[in-house]
C-alpha atoms as a PDB file:
ATOM      1  CA  UNK A   1     -66.768  28.063  -3.772  1.00  0.00           C
ATOM      2  CA  UNK A   2     -65.477  29.096  -1.180  1.00  0.00           C
ATOM      3  CA  UNK A   3     -66.913  32.429   0.729  1.00  0.00           C
ATOM      4  CA  UNK A   4     -65.796  33.813   4.184  1.00  0.00           C
ATOM      5  CA  UNK A   5     -68.014  35.867   5.825  1.00  0.00           C
ATOM      6  CA  UNK A   6     -68.712  37.356   9.276  1.00  0.00           C
ATOM      7  CA  UNK A   7     -72.273  35.671  10.600  1.00  0.00           C
ATOM      8  CA  UNK A   8     -74.362  38.207  13.044  1.00  0.00           C
ATOM      9  CA  UNK A   9     -73.980  37.554  16.982  1.00  0.00           C
ATOM     10  CA  UNK A  10     -77.393  34.750  17.219  1.00  0.00           C
ATOM     11  CA  UNK A  11     -78.300  34.977  13.012  1.00  0.00           C
ATOM     12  CA  UNK A  12     -78.168  32.396  11.148  1.00  0.00           C
ATOM     13  CA  UNK A  13     -77.875  31.621   7.225  1.00  0.00           C
ATOM     14  CA  UNK A  14     -78.294  29.496   5.053  1.00  0.00           C
ATOM     15  CA  UNK A  15     -76.665  28.110   1.174  1.00  0.00           C
ATOM     16  CA  UNK A  16     -79.089  25.369  -0.528  1.00  0.00           C
ATOM     17  CA  UNK A  17     -77.476  23.961  -4.263  1.00  0.00           C
ATOM     18  CA  UNK A  18     -79.102  21.919  -6.999  1.00  0.00           C
ATOM     19  CA  UNK A  19     -77.597  18.514  -6.419  1.00  0.00           C
ATOM     20  CA  UNK A  20     -77.310  15.927  -9.722  1.00  0.00           C
ATOM     21  CA  UNK A  21     -78.097  12.037  -9.377  1.00  0.00           C
ATOM     22  CA  UNK A  22     -75.103  10.326  -9.011  1.00  0.00           C
ATOM     23  CA  UNK A  23     -72.443  13.087  -8.268  1.00  0.00           C
ATOM     24  CA  UNK A  24     -69.968  13.909  -5.205  1.00  0.00           C
ATOM     25  CA  UNK A  25     -70.639  16.667  -2.823  1.00  0.00           C
ATOM     26  CA  UNK A  26     -68.492  17.731  -0.219  1.00  0.00           C
ATOM     27  CA  UNK A  27     -68.671  20.839   2.081  1.00  0.00           C
ATOM     28  CA  UNK A  28     -67.079  22.316   5.320  1.00  0.00           C
ATOM     29  CA  UNK A  29     -67.398  25.440   7.585  1.00  0.00           C
ATOM     30  CA  UNK A  30     -65.386  26.337  10.078  1.00  0.00           C
ATOM     31  CA  UNK A  31     -65.570  29.250  12.795  1.00  0.00           C
ATOM     32  CA  UNK A  32     -62.012  31.402  14.427  1.00  0.00           C
ATOM     33  CA  UNK A  33     -63.320  32.026  17.983  1.00  0.00           C
ATOM     34  CA  UNK A  34     -67.075  30.786  18.983  1.00  0.00           C
ATOM     35  CA  UNK A  35     -69.019  27.339  18.118  1.00  0.00           C
ATOM     36  CA  UNK A  36     -71.706  27.215  15.740  1.00  0.00           C
ATOM     37  CA  UNK A  37     -74.502  25.054  15.522  1.00  0.00           C
ATOM     38  CA  UNK A  38     -74.678  23.268  11.750  1.00  0.00           C
ATOM     39  CA  UNK A  39     -78.322  22.149   9.741  1.00  0.00           C
ATOM     40  CA  UNK A  40     -78.239  20.625   7.032  1.00  0.00           C
ATOM     41  CA  UNK A  41     -80.460  18.376   4.215  1.00  0.00           C
ATOM     42  CA  UNK A  42     -78.599  16.118   2.002  1.00  0.00           C
ATOM     43  CA  UNK A  43     -80.771  14.436  -1.194  1.00  0.00           C
ATOM     44  CA  UNK A  44     -82.922  11.352  -0.167  1.00  0.00           C
ATOM     45  CA  UNK A  45     -81.997  11.291   3.720  1.00  0.00           C
ATOM     46  CA  UNK A  46     -83.550  12.998   6.655  1.00  0.00           C
ATOM     47  CA  UNK A  47     -82.905  15.889   8.233  1.00  0.00           C
ATOM     48  CA  UNK A  48     -79.235  15.431  10.026  1.00  0.00           C
ATOM     49  CA  UNK A  49     -77.711  18.183  12.704  1.00  0.00           C
ATOM     50  CA  UNK A  50     -74.239  18.640  14.579  1.00  0.00           C
ATOM     51  CA  UNK A  51     -73.993  20.808  16.902  1.00  0.00           C
ATOM     52  CA  UNK A  52     -71.574  23.379  18.570  1.00  0.00           C
ATOM     53  CA  UNK A  53     -68.518  22.788  16.791  1.00  0.00           C
ATOM     54  CA  UNK A  54     -65.643  25.105  15.151  1.00  0.00           C
ATOM     55  CA  UNK A  55     -65.521  22.407  12.510  1.00  0.00           C
ATOM     56  CA  UNK A  56     -67.618  20.526  10.174  1.00  0.00           C
ATOM     57  CA  UNK A  57     -67.276  18.713   7.322  1.00  0.00           C
ATOM     58  CA  UNK A  58     -69.032  16.003   5.720  1.00  0.00           C
ATOM     59  CA  UNK A  59     -68.861  14.752   2.362  1.00  0.00           C
ATOM     60  CA  UNK A  60     -71.884  12.447   0.491  1.00  0.00           C
ATOM     61  CA  UNK A  61     -72.824  11.151  -3.218  1.00  0.00           C
ATOM     62  CA  UNK A  62     -76.369  12.483  -3.939  1.00  0.00           C
ATOM     63  CA  UNK A  63     -78.909   9.943  -4.582  1.00  0.00           C
ATOM     64  CA  UNK A  64     -81.420  11.964  -6.360  1.00  0.00           C
ATOM     65  CA  UNK A  65     -81.871  15.229  -8.134  1.00  0.00           C
ATOM     66  CA  UNK A  66     -82.861  16.830  -5.163  1.00  0.00           C
ATOM     67  CA  UNK A  67     -81.929  20.425  -3.179  1.00  0.00           C
ATOM     68  CA  UNK A  68     -79.076  20.429  -0.620  1.00  0.00           C
ATOM     69  CA  UNK A  69     -79.206  22.916   1.889  1.00  0.00           C
ATOM     70  CA  UNK A  70     -77.422  23.530   4.684  1.00  0.00           C
ATOM     71  CA  UNK A  71     -77.930  26.828   7.706  1.00  0.00           C
ATOM     72  CA  UNK A  72     -74.778  27.818  10.316  1.00  0.00           C
ATOM     73  CA  UNK A  73     -76.577  29.236  13.229  1.00  0.00           C
ATOM     74  CA  UNK A  74     -74.266  31.916  15.625  1.00  0.00           C
ATOM     75  CA  UNK A  75     -74.154  30.947  19.159  1.00  0.00           C
ATOM     76  CA  UNK A  76     -72.752  33.775  20.282  1.00  0.00           C
ATOM     77  CA  UNK A  77     -73.230  37.414  21.225  1.00  0.00           C
ATOM     78  CA  UNK A  78     -70.726  38.684  18.834  1.00  0.00           C
ATOM     79  CA  UNK A  79     -70.416  38.221  15.551  1.00  0.00           C
ATOM     80  CA  UNK A  80     -68.224  35.545  13.890  1.00  0.00           C
ATOM     81  CA  UNK A  81     -65.814  34.590  10.537  1.00  0.00           C
ATOM     82  CA  UNK A  82     -67.381  31.886   8.664  1.00  0.00           C
ATOM     83  CA  UNK A  83     -65.530  29.809   6.401  1.00  0.00           C
ATOM     84  CA  UNK A  84     -67.679  27.923   4.214  1.00  0.00           C
ATOM     85  CA  UNK A  85     -66.987  25.695   1.498  1.00  0.00           C
ATOM     86  CA  UNK A  86     -68.350  23.516  -1.022  1.00  0.00           C
ATOM     87  CA  UNK A  87     -67.448  21.563  -4.167  1.00  0.00           C
ATOM     88  CA  UNK A  88     -68.396  18.903  -6.451  1.00  0.00           C
ATOM     89  CA  UNK A  89     -67.342  16.043  -8.678  1.00  0.00           C
ATOM     90  CA  UNK A  90     -63.527  15.816  -8.709  1.00  0.00           C
ATOM     91  CA  UNK A  91     -62.817  19.283  -6.713  1.00  0.00           C
ATOM     92  CA  UNK A  92     -64.828  17.892  -3.876  1.00  0.00           C
ATOM     93  CA  UNK A  93     -62.694  14.765  -3.430  1.00  0.00           C
ATOM     94  CA  UNK A  94     -59.465  14.863  -0.777  1.00  0.00           C
ATOM     95  CA  UNK A  95     -56.248  13.578  -2.369  1.00  0.00           C
ATOM     96  CA  UNK A  96     -54.402  14.147   0.667  1.00  0.00           C
ATOM     97  CA  UNK A  97     -54.054  10.645   1.774  1.00  0.00           C
ATOM     98  CA  UNK A  98     -53.034   9.275  -1.280  1.00  0.00           C
ATOM     99  CA  UNK A  99     -48.923   8.464  -0.919  1.00  0.00           C
ATOM    100  CA  UNK A 100     -46.502  10.551  -3.365  1.00  0.00           C
ATOM    101  CA  UNK A 101     -44.170   8.806  -4.960  1.00  0.00           C
ATOM    102  CA  UNK A 102     -41.271  10.379  -2.630  1.00  0.00           C
ATOM    103  CA  UNK A 103     -43.218   7.878  -0.294  1.00  0.00           C
ATOM    104  CA  UNK A 104     -42.435   4.696  -2.914  1.00  0.00           C
ATOM    105  CA  UNK A 105     -39.725   2.377  -2.314  1.00  0.00           C
ATOM    106  CA  UNK A 106     -38.132   2.062  -6.084  1.00  0.00           C
ATOM    107  CA  UNK A 107     -39.226  -1.356  -7.092  1.00  0.00           C
ATOM    108  CA  UNK A 108     -36.198  -2.784  -8.598  1.00  0.00           C
ATOM    109  CA  UNK A 109     -35.534  -3.219  -4.868  1.00  0.00           C
ATOM    110  CA  UNK A 110     -38.113  -5.248  -3.240  1.00  0.00           C
ATOM    111  CA  UNK A 111     -37.582  -7.183  -7.158  1.00  0.00           C
ATOM    112  CA  UNK A 112     -33.892  -8.176  -6.040  1.00  0.00           C
ATOM    113  CA  UNK A 113     -34.564  -8.769  -2.729  1.00  0.00           C
ATOM    114  CA  UNK A 114     -37.678 -11.037  -3.640  1.00  0.00           C
ATOM    115  CA  UNK A 115     -34.991 -13.032  -5.729  1.00  0.00           C
ATOM    116  CA  UNK A 116     -33.031 -13.983  -3.147  1.00  0.00           C
END
């Protein structure tokens, strides 16, 4: 789920999701110009906060079936464009660090080198 929206000056918006036990989740929040305050509640954890950020990313595995909540607070005197992305399961995995086939040396070269 990806949502782009304008957050009015000094306003807030909250998102909620019922989490499944042992499910992997990820959420990203970004603001184009101004800092936002982020407050979130992850199942089976205490309230967590991250203040004054342009980009915020968090991933977690839910340890129980509880509600997830994230609130975004505007800190600017003008509206700001916010991008909110929420994903679960395989869609929440970040495969950016996985080596691609072009990064691997051919195994034949390694085997021949090790034989001599």
